[in-house]
PDB file of N, CA and C in Angstrom:
ATOM      1  N   UNK A   1      30.484   0.316  27.519  1.00  0.00           N
ATOM      2  CA  UNK A   1      30.371   1.705  27.878  1.00  0.00           C
ATOM      3  C   UNK A   1      30.530   1.828  29.388  1.00  0.00           C
ATOM      4  N   UNK A   2      31.273   2.829  29.772  1.00  0.00           N
ATOM      5  CA  UNK A   2      31.458   3.144  31.180  1.00  0.00           C
ATOM      6  C   UNK A   2      30.944   4.568  31.387  1.00  0.00           C
ATOM      7  N   UNK A   3      30.042   4.723  32.332  1.00  0.00           N
ATOM      8  CA  UNK A   3      29.538   6.054  32.670  1.00  0.00           C
ATOM      9  C   UNK A   3      30.117   6.424  34.024  1.00  0.00           C
ATOM     10  N   UNK A   4      30.862   7.499  34.057  1.00  0.00           N
ATOM     11  CA  UNK A   4      31.450   7.975  35.311  1.00  0.00           C
ATOM     12  C   UNK A   4      30.780   9.266  35.717  1.00  0.00           C
ATOM     13  N   UNK A   5      30.319   9.291  36.940  1.00  0.00           N
ATOM     14  CA  UNK A   5      29.772  10.516  37.517  1.00  0.00           C
ATOM     15  C   UNK A   5      30.874  11.125  38.360  1.00  0.00           C
ATOM     16  N   UNK A   6      31.316  12.289  37.947  1.00  0.00           N
ATOM     17  CA  UNK A   6      32.495  12.909  38.549  1.00  0.00           C
ATOM     18  C   UNK A   6      32.132  14.037  39.496  1.00  0.00           C
ATOM     19  N   UNK A   7      32.632  13.928  40.712  1.00  0.00           N
ATOM     20  CA  UNK A   7      32.513  15.009  41.681  1.00  0.00           C
ATOM     21  C   UNK A   7      33.615  16.037  41.462  1.00  0.00           C
ATOM     22  N   UNK A   8      33.598  17.068  42.248  1.00  0.00           N
ATOM     23  CA  UNK A   8      34.525  18.191  42.065  1.00  0.00           C
ATOM     24  C   UNK A   8      35.992  17.769  42.186  1.00  0.00           C
ATOM     25  N   UNK A   9      36.285  16.719  42.945  1.00  0.00           N
ATOM     26  CA  UNK A   9      37.671  16.278  43.102  1.00  0.00           C
ATOM     27  C   UNK A   9      38.266  15.803  41.781  1.00  0.00           C
ATOM     28  N   UNK A  10      37.432  15.446  40.828  1.00  0.00           N
ATOM     29  CA  UNK A  10      37.931  14.964  39.535  1.00  0.00           C
ATOM     30  C   UNK A  10      38.509  16.084  38.678  1.00  0.00           C
ATOM     31  N   UNK A  11      38.366  17.303  39.113  1.00  0.00           N
ATOM     32  CA  UNK A  11      38.878  18.444  38.349  1.00  0.00           C
ATOM     33  C   UNK A  11      40.166  18.993  38.954  1.00  0.00           C
ATOM     34  N   UNK A  12      40.693  18.273  39.935  1.00  0.00           N
ATOM     35  CA  UNK A  12      41.991  18.612  40.508  1.00  0.00           C
ATOM     36  C   UNK A  12      43.073  17.933  39.678  1.00  0.00           C
ATOM     37  N   UNK A  13      44.235  18.555  39.614  1.00  0.00           N
ATOM     38  CA  UNK A  13      45.312  18.104  38.716  1.00  0.00           C
ATOM     39  C   UNK A  13      45.634  16.617  38.862  1.00  0.00           C
ATOM     40  N   UNK A  14      45.794  16.154  40.097  1.00  0.00           N
ATOM     41  CA  UNK A  14      46.143  14.751  40.330  1.00  0.00           C
ATOM     42  C   UNK A  14      45.034  13.817  39.839  1.00  0.00           C
ATOM     43  N   UNK A  15      43.800  14.188  40.099  1.00  0.00           N
ATOM     44  CA  UNK A  15      42.669  13.354  39.684  1.00  0.00           C
ATOM     45  C   UNK A  15      42.513  13.333  38.171  1.00  0.00           C
ATOM     46  N   UNK A  16      42.763  14.450  37.521  1.00  0.00           N
ATOM     47  CA  UNK A  16      42.679  14.505  36.062  1.00  0.00           C
ATOM     48  C   UNK A  16      43.659  13.508  35.454  1.00  0.00           C
ATOM     49  N   UNK A  17      44.865  13.465  36.007  1.00  0.00           N
ATOM     50  CA  UNK A  17      45.883  12.531  35.515  1.00  0.00           C
ATOM     51  C   UNK A  17      45.435  11.083  35.726  1.00  0.00           C
ATOM     52  N   UNK A  18      44.932  10.764  36.907  1.00  0.00           N
ATOM     53  CA  UNK A  18      44.471   9.403  37.196  1.00  0.00           C
ATOM     54  C   UNK A  18      43.298   9.025  36.303  1.00  0.00           C
ATOM     55  N   UNK A  19      42.371   9.956  36.102  1.00  0.00           N
ATOM     56  CA  UNK A  19      41.219   9.683  35.244  1.00  0.00           C
ATOM     57  C   UNK A  19      41.663   9.419  33.813  1.00  0.00           C
ATOM     58  N   UNK A  20      42.632  10.180  33.344  1.00  0.00           N
ATOM     59  CA  UNK A  20      43.149   9.992  31.981  1.00  0.00           C
ATOM     60  C   UNK A  20      43.772   8.615  31.830  1.00  0.00           C
ATOM     61  N   UNK A  21      44.555   8.203  32.808  1.00  0.00           N
ATOM     62  CA  UNK A  21      45.183   6.878  32.775  1.00  0.00           C
ATOM     63  C   UNK A  21      44.129   5.778  32.810  1.00  0.00           C
ATOM     64  N   UNK A  22      43.131   5.931  33.670  1.00  0.00           N
ATOM     65  CA  UNK A  22      42.076   4.924  33.784  1.00  0.00           C
ATOM     66  C   UNK A  22      41.279   4.844  32.474  1.00  0.00           C
ATOM     67  N   UNK A  23      40.989   5.993  31.888  1.00  0.00           N
ATOM     68  CA  UNK A  23      40.254   6.009  30.621  1.00  0.00           C
ATOM     69  C   UNK A  23      41.047   5.295  29.533  1.00  0.00           C
ATOM     70  N   UNK A  24      42.336   5.558  29.436  1.00  0.00           N
ATOM     71  CA  UNK A  24      43.170   4.884  28.435  1.00  0.00           C
ATOM     72  C   UNK A  24      43.135   3.370  28.635  1.00  0.00           C
ATOM     73  N   UNK A  25      43.215   2.933  29.895  1.00  0.00           N
ATOM     74  CA  UNK A  25      43.168   1.500  30.178  1.00  0.00           C
ATOM     75  C   UNK A  25      41.824   0.914  29.749  1.00  0.00           C
ATOM     76  N   UNK A  26      40.738   1.562  30.132  1.00  0.00           N
ATOM     77  CA  UNK A  26      39.408   1.054  29.782  1.00  0.00           C
ATOM     78  C   UNK A  26      39.217   1.019  28.273  1.00  0.00           C
ATOM     79  N   UNK A  27      39.695   2.046  27.592  1.00  0.00           N
ATOM     80  CA  UNK A  27      39.591   2.071  26.137  1.00  0.00           C
ATOM     81  C   UNK A  27      40.419   0.958  25.506  1.00  0.00           C
ATOM     82  N   UNK A  28      41.545   0.616  26.116  1.00  0.00           N
ATOM     83  CA  UNK A  28      42.362  -0.485  25.599  1.00  0.00           C
ATOM     84  C   UNK A  28      41.643  -1.827  25.751  1.00  0.00           C
ATOM     85  N   UNK A  29      40.648  -1.869  26.610  1.00  0.00           N
ATOM     86  CA  UNK A  29      39.825  -3.071  26.805  1.00  0.00           C
ATOM     87  C   UNK A  29      38.594  -3.071  25.901  1.00  0.00           C
ATOM     88  N   UNK A  30      38.501  -2.077  25.023  1.00  0.00           N
ATOM     89  CA  UNK A  30      37.376  -2.006  24.100  1.00  0.00           C
ATOM     90  C   UNK A  30      36.169  -1.260  24.624  1.00  0.00           C
ATOM     91  N   UNK A  31      36.326  -0.579  25.728  1.00  0.00           N
ATOM     92  CA  UNK A  31      35.222   0.188  26.312  1.00  0.00           C
ATOM     93  C   UNK A  31      35.389   1.659  25.959  1.00  0.00           C
ATOM     94  N   UNK A  32      34.292   2.396  26.032  1.00  0.00           N
ATOM     95  CA  UNK A  32      34.443   3.835  25.941  1.00  0.00           C
ATOM     96  C   UNK A  32      33.813   4.473  27.155  1.00  0.00           C
ATOM     97  N   UNK A  33      34.385   5.577  27.549  1.00  0.00           N
ATOM     98  CA  UNK A  33      34.036   6.229  28.814  1.00  0.00           C
ATOM     99  C   UNK A  33      33.373   7.563  28.522  1.00  0.00           C
ATOM    100  N   UNK A  34      32.273   7.796  29.189  1.00  0.00           N
ATOM    101  CA  UNK A  34      31.700   9.136  29.194  1.00  0.00           C
ATOM    102  C   UNK A  34      31.681   9.615  30.637  1.00  0.00           C
ATOM    103  N   UNK A  35      32.022  10.868  30.791  1.00  0.00           N
ATOM    104  CA  UNK A  35      32.099  11.453  32.121  1.00  0.00           C
ATOM    105  C   UNK A  35      31.028  12.525  32.252  1.00  0.00           C
ATOM    106  N   UNK A  36      30.347  12.474  33.366  1.00  0.00           N
ATOM    107  CA  UNK A  36      29.278  13.427  33.616  1.00  0.00           C
ATOM    108  C   UNK A  36      29.498  14.019  35.003  1.00  0.00           C
ATOM    109  N   UNK A  37      29.579  15.336  35.086  1.00  0.00           N
ATOM    110  CA  UNK A  37      29.749  15.967  36.399  1.00  0.00           C
ATOM    111  C   UNK A  37      28.521  15.737  37.290  1.00  0.00           C
ATOM    112  N   UNK A  38      28.765  15.508  38.560  1.00  0.00           N
ATOM    113  CA  UNK A  38      27.668  15.291  39.514  1.00  0.00           C
ATOM    114  C   UNK A  38      26.645  16.418  39.476  1.00  0.00           C
ATOM    115  N   UNK A  39      27.126  17.652  39.342  1.00  0.00           N
ATOM    116  CA  UNK A  39      26.174  18.758  39.368  1.00  0.00           C
ATOM    117  C   UNK A  39      25.228  18.709  38.169  1.00  0.00           C
ATOM    118  N   UNK A  40      25.670  18.118  37.053  1.00  0.00           N
ATOM    119  CA  UNK A  40      24.767  17.956  35.912  1.00  0.00           C
ATOM    120  C   UNK A  40      23.655  16.970  36.250  1.00  0.00           C
ATOM    121  N   UNK A  41      24.005  15.909  36.969  1.00  0.00           N
ATOM    122  CA  UNK A  41      22.997  14.930  37.376  1.00  0.00           C
ATOM    123  C   UNK A  41      21.981  15.606  38.292  1.00  0.00           C
ATOM    124  N   UNK A  42      22.470  16.418  39.210  1.00  0.00           N
ATOM    125  CA  UNK A  42      21.579  17.098  40.155  1.00  0.00           C
ATOM    126  C   UNK A  42      20.729  18.173  39.486  1.00  0.00           C
ATOM    127  N   UNK A  43      21.300  18.885  38.519  1.00  0.00           N
ATOM    128  CA  UNK A  43      20.609  20.034  37.931  1.00  0.00           C
ATOM    129  C   UNK A  43      19.900  19.734  36.615  1.00  0.00           C
ATOM    130  N   UNK A  44      20.276  18.647  35.961  1.00  0.00           N
ATOM    131  CA  UNK A  44      19.730  18.366  34.636  1.00  0.00           C
ATOM    132  C   UNK A  44      19.614  16.864  34.429  1.00  0.00           C
ATOM    133  N   UNK A  45      18.938  16.195  35.336  1.00  0.00           N
ATOM    134  CA  UNK A  45      18.865  14.738  35.308  1.00  0.00           C
ATOM    135  C   UNK A  45      18.303  14.222  33.984  1.00  0.00           C
ATOM    136  N   UNK A  46      17.235  14.819  33.527  1.00  0.00           N
ATOM    137  CA  UNK A  46      16.618  14.382  32.271  1.00  0.00           C
ATOM    138  C   UNK A  46      17.606  14.531  31.106  1.00  0.00           C
ATOM    139  N   UNK A  47      18.305  15.655  31.049  1.00  0.00           N
ATOM    140  CA  UNK A  47      19.284  15.879  29.994  1.00  0.00           C
ATOM    141  C   UNK A  47      20.409  14.858  30.036  1.00  0.00           C
ATOM    142  N   UNK A  48      20.851  14.518  31.239  1.00  0.00           N
ATOM    143  CA  UNK A  48      21.904  13.507  31.392  1.00  0.00           C
ATOM    144  C   UNK A  48      21.411  12.153  30.881  1.00  0.00           C
ATOM    145  N   UNK A  49      20.183  11.795  31.233  1.00  0.00           N
ATOM    146  CA  UNK A  49      19.625  10.521  30.761  1.00  0.00           C
ATOM    147  C   UNK A  49      19.501  10.514  29.238  1.00  0.00           C
ATOM    148  N   UNK A  50      19.075  11.627  28.661  1.00  0.00           N
ATOM    149  CA  UNK A  50      18.961  11.724  27.210  1.00  0.00           C
ATOM    150  C   UNK A  50      20.335  11.608  26.544  1.00  0.00           C
ATOM    151  N   UNK A  51      21.333  12.216  27.157  1.00  0.00           N
ATOM    152  CA  UNK A  51      22.698  12.143  26.615  1.00  0.00           C
ATOM    153  C   UNK A  51      23.215  10.702  26.660  1.00  0.00           C
ATOM    154  N   UNK A  52      23.019  10.020  27.773  1.00  0.00           N
ATOM    155  CA  UNK A  52      23.452   8.628  27.886  1.00  0.00           C
ATOM    156  C   UNK A  52      22.714   7.778  26.858  1.00  0.00           C
ATOM    157  N   UNK A  53      21.419   7.988  26.712  1.00  0.00           N
ATOM    158  CA  UNK A  53      20.624   7.258  25.731  1.00  0.00           C
ATOM    159  C   UNK A  53      21.163   7.475  24.318  1.00  0.00           C
ATOM    160  N   UNK A  54      21.488   8.705  23.980  1.00  0.00           N
ATOM    161  CA  UNK A  54      22.044   9.023  22.670  1.00  0.00           C
ATOM    162  C   UNK A  54      23.356   8.284  22.438  1.00  0.00           C
ATOM    163  N   UNK A  55      24.232   8.311  23.435  1.00  0.00           N
ATOM    164  CA  UNK A  55      25.533   7.642  23.292  1.00  0.00           C
ATOM    165  C   UNK A  55      25.372   6.125  23.158  1.00  0.00           C
ATOM    166  N   UNK A  56      24.419   5.537  23.883  1.00  0.00           N
ATOM    167  CA  UNK A  56      24.156   4.105  23.753  1.00  0.00           C
ATOM    168  C   UNK A  56      23.682   3.806  22.331  1.00  0.00           C
ATOM    169  N   UNK A  57      22.759   4.602  21.822  1.00  0.00           N
ATOM    170  CA  UNK A  57      22.252   4.386  20.464  1.00  0.00           C
ATOM    171  C   UNK A  57      23.360   4.548  19.430  1.00  0.00           C
ATOM    172  N   UNK A  58      24.226   5.547  19.615  1.00  0.00           N
ATOM    173  CA  UNK A  58      25.350   5.730  18.700  1.00  0.00           C
ATOM    174  C   UNK A  58      26.267   4.509  18.723  1.00  0.00           C
ATOM    175  N   UNK A  59      26.520   4.012  19.915  1.00  0.00           N
ATOM    176  CA  UNK A  59      27.392   2.846  20.073  1.00  0.00           C
ATOM    177  C   UNK A  59      26.779   1.612  19.394  1.00  0.00           C
ATOM    178  N   UNK A  60      25.498   1.424  19.587  1.00  0.00           N
ATOM    179  CA  UNK A  60      24.828   0.272  18.988  1.00  0.00           C
ATOM    180  C   UNK A  60      24.799   0.382  17.470  1.00  0.00           C
ATOM    181  N   UNK A  61      24.619   1.576  16.945  1.00  0.00           N
ATOM    182  CA  UNK A  61      24.568   1.734  15.488  1.00  0.00           C
ATOM    183  C   UNK A  61      25.911   1.421  14.845  1.00  0.00           C
ATOM    184  N   UNK A  62      26.993   1.565  15.582  1.00  0.00           N
ATOM    185  CA  UNK A  62      28.321   1.256  15.052  1.00  0.00           C
ATOM    186  C   UNK A  62      28.554  -0.246  14.988  1.00  0.00           C
ATOM    187  N   UNK A  63      27.765  -1.010  15.702  1.00  0.00           N
ATOM    188  CA  UNK A  63      27.920  -2.473  15.708  1.00  0.00           C
ATOM    189  C   UNK A  63      27.247  -3.114  14.502  1.00  0.00           C
ATOM    190  N   UNK A  64      26.362  -2.400  13.860  1.00  0.00           N
ATOM    191  CA  UNK A  64      25.590  -2.979  12.743  1.00  0.00           C
ATOM    192  C   UNK A  64      26.368  -3.000  11.489  1.00  0.00           C
TER     193      UNK A  64
END
């Protein structure tokens, strides 16, 4: 699992393209990427942690 905290520059056209390419590469390596905007971390830290925890649990349940 890869957790990316994205600042506002990640929503610009060029960055979106680069992020998409990087995500495809990481997924080809067997990883999955979740992206979380920086402002969510600042404004909803607990919710972000709960979301990451949920995704980790989902990922682990698929291994069983």
